[in-house]
Amino acid sequence: FFFTPFPFPISSSSFFFTFILFSFASCAVSGVIIATRLRMDPFGILVIAAVTAVGGGSMRDIMMGATPVFWIHDNNYIYTIFLSVVVSVFLLRRLHKVPSYLLLMWDALGLSTFTIVGAQKAMLLGFSPLIVIAMGCVTGVVGGMIRDILTGQVPFVLQKEIYATASLFGALLFVSCTYIGFEPFIVMIVAMSGALSLRLGALYWHLSLPIFRTK
């Protein structure tokens, strides 16, 4: 089951393309929030937003051999990042202080939506369910990792928080719902909602994974 290719792909649609652009906007906004907190100039803000948005997908495409990477073929991704930066900077300037929950909320949205985008692409390229789940997780977490490293922070995925676990859960739901035979729209909504709910629930109830220590 987990080592054989999918018998059928989920077809692309205008809804899914809109879903992808929303994913980009979510990740870009999380990058903008961190960059503005660090008082970066406009170029720095744009760089952090861009690497957050394209980092995971670029790594996924390189690992799958799907090169040149996706955003080189379609300028809509670049336009979405730029527009997200302009709008979010304009709105954030109206706030005296950026609440912490804004970053966590947009980061959770980016994590959950990008997980589904990555899993979808791996499926369309005919990879096995195990690789589909892995590529969903790579797409979901790597952009945020690069963002945090560039801004001198410990990445969420390397802390005790339920972060990569939420991404893996969403990708597993995506694979499971696809094999059950749900409609593509339902598959994406269920998988995204599962990942998002787990991440936000863990933040709200302060749930975390156990820490392993040695003396």
Protein backbone atom coordinates (compact mmCIF):
# COMPACT_ATOMS: atom_id res chain seq x y z
CA PHE A 1 0.00 0.00 0.00
CA PHE A 2 2.53 2.62 1.10
CA PHE A 3 5.17 1.67 -1.45
CA THR A 4 3.10 1.48 -4.63
CA PRO A 5 2.19 4.47 -6.83
CA PHE A 6 -1.27 5.97 -6.62
CA PRO A 7 -3.63 4.35 -9.14
CA PHE A 8 -5.06 7.73 -10.11
CA PRO A 9 -4.18 11.41 -9.70
CA ILE A 10 -6.38 14.18 -8.39
CA SER A 11 -6.93 16.54 -11.30
CA SER A 12 -5.98 20.19 -11.08
CA SER A 13 -8.67 22.86 -10.97
CA SER A 14 -9.10 26.58 -10.60
CA PHE A 15 -10.06 25.96 -6.98
CA PHE A 16 -6.80 24.17 -6.30
CA PHE A 17 -4.78 26.94 -7.96
CA THR A 18 -6.53 29.48 -5.74
CA PHE A 19 -5.75 27.22 -2.78
CA ILE A 20 -2.06 27.27 -3.74
CA LEU A 21 -1.99 31.07 -3.98
CA PHE A 22 -3.67 31.31 -0.57
CA SER A 23 -0.94 29.06 0.81
CA PHE A 24 1.70 31.39 -0.59
CA ALA A 25 0.00 34.42 0.90
CA SER A 26 -0.22 32.77 4.34
CA CYS A 27 3.47 31.86 4.41
CA ALA A 28 4.54 35.24 3.06
CA VAL A 29 2.55 37.06 5.74
CA SER A 30 4.19 35.00 8.50
CA GLY A 31 7.56 36.02 7.07
CA VAL A 32 6.53 39.67 6.97
CA ILE A 33 5.44 39.59 10.63
CA ILE A 34 8.81 38.27 11.79
CA ALA A 35 10.75 40.65 9.53
CA THR A 36 8.84 43.71 10.76
CA ARG A 37 9.41 42.64 14.36
CA LEU A 38 13.13 42.68 13.62
CA ARG A 39 12.81 46.12 11.98
CA MET A 40 14.11 44.99 8.60
CA ASP A 41 14.10 47.29 5.59
CA PRO A 42 11.68 46.65 2.67
CA PHE A 43 14.18 44.45 0.83
CA GLY A 44 14.79 42.35 3.93
CA ILE A 45 11.06 41.95 4.47
CA LEU A 46 10.59 40.83 0.87
CA VAL A 47 13.45 38.32 1.11
CA ILE A 48 12.15 36.74 4.32
CA ALA A 49 8.60 36.58 2.94
CA ALA A 50 9.82 35.02 -0.31
CA VAL A 51 11.99 32.31 1.24
CA THR A 52 9.17 31.42 3.63
CA ALA A 53 6.76 31.03 0.73
CA VAL A 54 8.96 29.22 -1.81
CA GLY A 55 11.47 27.41 0.41
CA GLY A 56 9.47 24.27 1.11
CA GLY A 57 8.13 23.87 -2.40
CA SER A 58 11.55 24.44 -3.94
CA MET A 59 13.11 21.78 -1.71
CA ARG A 60 10.28 19.39 -2.60
CA ASP A 61 10.73 19.91 -6.33
CA ILE A 62 14.50 19.42 -6.11
CA MET A 63 14.06 16.20 -4.14
CA MET A 64 11.52 14.88 -6.66
CA GLY A 65 13.57 15.96 -9.68
CA ALA A 66 10.85 18.38 -10.82
CA THR A 67 13.19 21.09 -12.04
CA PRO A 68 13.27 23.98 -12.77
CA VAL A 69 11.26 24.53 -9.60
CA PHE A 70 7.62 25.54 -9.80
CA TRP A 71 7.79 29.30 -9.25
CA ILE A 72 10.17 29.79 -12.18
CA HIS A 73 7.46 28.58 -14.58
CA ASP A 74 4.63 30.76 -13.28
CA ASN A 75 5.02 34.39 -12.26
CA ASN A 76 1.69 34.34 -10.42
CA TYR A 77 3.54 32.98 -7.39
CA ILE A 78 5.94 35.92 -7.37
CA TYR A 79 3.09 38.38 -7.83
CA THR A 80 1.22 36.80 -4.92
CA ILE A 81 4.24 37.11 -2.63
CA PHE A 82 4.83 40.74 -3.60
CA LEU A 83 1.15 41.67 -3.14
CA SER A 84 1.02 39.87 0.21
CA VAL A 85 4.06 41.80 1.40
CA VAL A 86 2.67 45.17 0.34
CA VAL A 87 -0.77 44.61 1.87
CA SER A 88 0.47 43.06 5.12
CA VAL A 89 3.13 45.76 5.67
CA PHE A 90 0.48 48.44 5.15
CA LEU A 91 -1.84 46.80 7.68
CA LEU A 92 0.86 45.97 10.22
CA ARG A 93 2.08 49.58 10.26
CA ARG A 94 -1.28 50.51 11.77
CA LEU A 95 -0.57 48.32 14.80
CA HIS A 96 1.58 49.65 17.63
CA LYS A 97 2.57 46.10 18.50
CA VAL A 98 2.12 42.91 16.50
CA PRO A 99 0.36 40.30 18.68
CA SER A 100 2.15 36.95 18.94
CA TYR A 101 -1.00 35.08 17.96
CA LEU A 102 -0.94 36.70 14.51
CA LEU A 103 2.37 35.04 13.66
CA LEU A 104 1.25 31.69 15.06
CA MET A 105 -2.07 31.85 13.20
CA TRP A 106 -0.58 32.70 9.79
CA ASP A 107 2.23 30.21 10.27
CA ALA A 108 -0.30 27.48 11.09
CA LEU A 109 -2.31 28.36 7.98
CA GLY A 110 0.80 28.20 5.84
CA LEU A 111 1.87 24.90 7.39
CA SER A 112 -1.48 23.21 6.84
CA THR A 113 -2.18 24.50 3.34
CA PHE A 114 1.34 23.94 2.02
CA THR A 115 1.29 20.39 3.35
CA ILE A 116 -1.68 19.64 1.12
CA VAL A 117 -0.12 21.43 -1.85
CA GLY A 118 3.05 19.35 -1.51
CA ALA A 119 1.19 16.08 -1.12
CA GLN A 120 -0.95 16.90 -4.15
CA LYS A 121 2.05 17.54 -6.39
CA ALA A 122 3.80 14.35 -5.31
CA MET A 123 0.63 12.42 -6.05
CA LEU A 124 0.25 13.97 -9.50
CA LEU A 125 3.82 12.94 -10.30
CA GLY A 126 2.98 9.33 -9.46
CA PHE A 127 4.92 8.81 -6.24
CA SER A 128 3.93 6.22 -3.64
CA PRO A 129 1.76 7.25 -0.67
CA LEU A 130 4.77 7.14 1.67
CA ILE A 131 6.62 9.68 -0.48
CA VAL A 132 3.44 11.74 -0.88
CA ILE A 133 3.26 12.08 2.91
CA ALA A 134 6.96 12.92 3.17
CA MET A 135 6.79 15.56 0.42
CA GLY A 136 3.73 17.10 2.04
CA CYS A 137 5.68 17.49 5.26
CA VAL A 138 8.76 18.88 3.47
CA THR A 139 6.63 21.47 1.70
CA GLY A 140 4.89 22.42 4.92
CA VAL A 141 7.85 22.87 7.26
CA VAL A 142 11.00 23.74 5.27
CA GLY A 143 10.01 27.31 4.34
CA GLY A 144 9.40 28.16 7.99
CA MET A 145 12.70 26.52 8.96
CA ILE A 146 14.63 28.69 6.50
CA ARG A 147 12.77 31.79 7.70
CA ASP A 148 13.59 31.09 11.34
CA ILE A 149 17.25 30.30 10.64
CA LEU A 150 17.74 33.51 8.63
CA THR A 151 16.17 35.55 11.43
CA GLY A 152 18.24 33.91 14.17
CA GLN A 153 15.47 31.88 15.79
CA VAL A 154 15.18 28.21 16.68
CA PRO A 155 12.81 26.73 14.05
CA PHE A 156 9.41 25.59 15.35
CA VAL A 157 10.06 22.13 13.93
CA LEU A 158 13.16 21.72 16.15
CA GLN A 159 11.32 22.67 19.33
CA LYS A 160 9.02 20.49 21.43
CA GLU A 161 5.93 22.00 19.79
CA ILE A 162 3.55 19.90 17.71
CA TYR A 163 4.55 21.28 14.33
CA ALA A 164 5.89 18.67 11.92
CA THR A 165 3.50 16.21 13.58
CA ALA A 166 0.56 18.37 12.47
CA SER A 167 1.93 18.42 8.92
CA LEU A 168 2.37 14.65 8.88
CA PHE A 169 -1.16 14.22 10.21
CA GLY A 170 -2.58 16.40 7.43
CA ALA A 171 -0.62 14.53 4.75
CA LEU A 172 -1.78 11.19 6.16
CA LEU A 173 -5.39 12.39 6.05
CA PHE A 174 -4.85 13.47 2.44
CA VAL A 175 -3.60 10.02 1.45
CA SER A 176 -6.29 8.19 3.43
CA CYS A 177 -9.20 10.26 2.10
CA THR A 178 -7.91 9.87 -1.46
CA TYR A 179 -7.83 6.08 -1.18
CA ILE A 180 -11.28 6.03 0.38
CA GLY A 181 -12.51 7.83 -2.73
CA PHE A 182 -13.64 11.22 -1.47
CA GLU A 183 -14.01 14.08 -3.94
CA PRO A 184 -10.83 16.17 -4.39
CA PHE A 185 -12.45 19.23 -2.79
CA ILE A 186 -13.43 17.20 0.29
CA VAL A 187 -9.97 15.60 0.48
CA MET A 188 -8.23 18.98 0.58
CA ILE A 189 -10.63 20.51 3.10
CA VAL A 190 -10.51 17.52 5.47
CA ALA A 191 -6.71 17.21 5.30
CA MET A 192 -6.08 20.93 5.73
CA SER A 193 -8.59 21.20 8.57
CA GLY A 194 -7.00 18.24 10.33
CA ALA A 195 -3.49 19.70 10.19
CA LEU A 196 -4.68 23.19 11.13
CA SER A 197 -6.84 21.95 14.02
CA LEU A 198 -4.01 19.87 15.47
CA ARG A 199 -1.54 22.76 15.27
CA LEU A 200 -3.91 25.39 16.69
CA GLY A 201 -5.25 22.97 19.31
CA ALA A 202 -1.72 22.22 20.46
CA LEU A 203 -1.02 25.94 20.78
CA TYR A 204 -4.26 26.65 22.64
CA TRP A 205 -3.95 23.78 25.13
CA HIS A 206 -0.14 23.99 25.33
CA LEU A 207 0.32 20.46 24.08
CA SER A 208 3.81 19.33 23.16
CA LEU A 209 5.88 16.27 22.44
CA PRO A 210 8.02 14.73 25.19
CA ILE A 211 11.63 15.88 25.45
CA PHE A 212 14.32 13.22 25.62
CA ARG A 213 17.33 14.09 27.75
CA THR A 214 20.49 12.29 28.76
CA LYS A 215 22.48 12.87 31.92
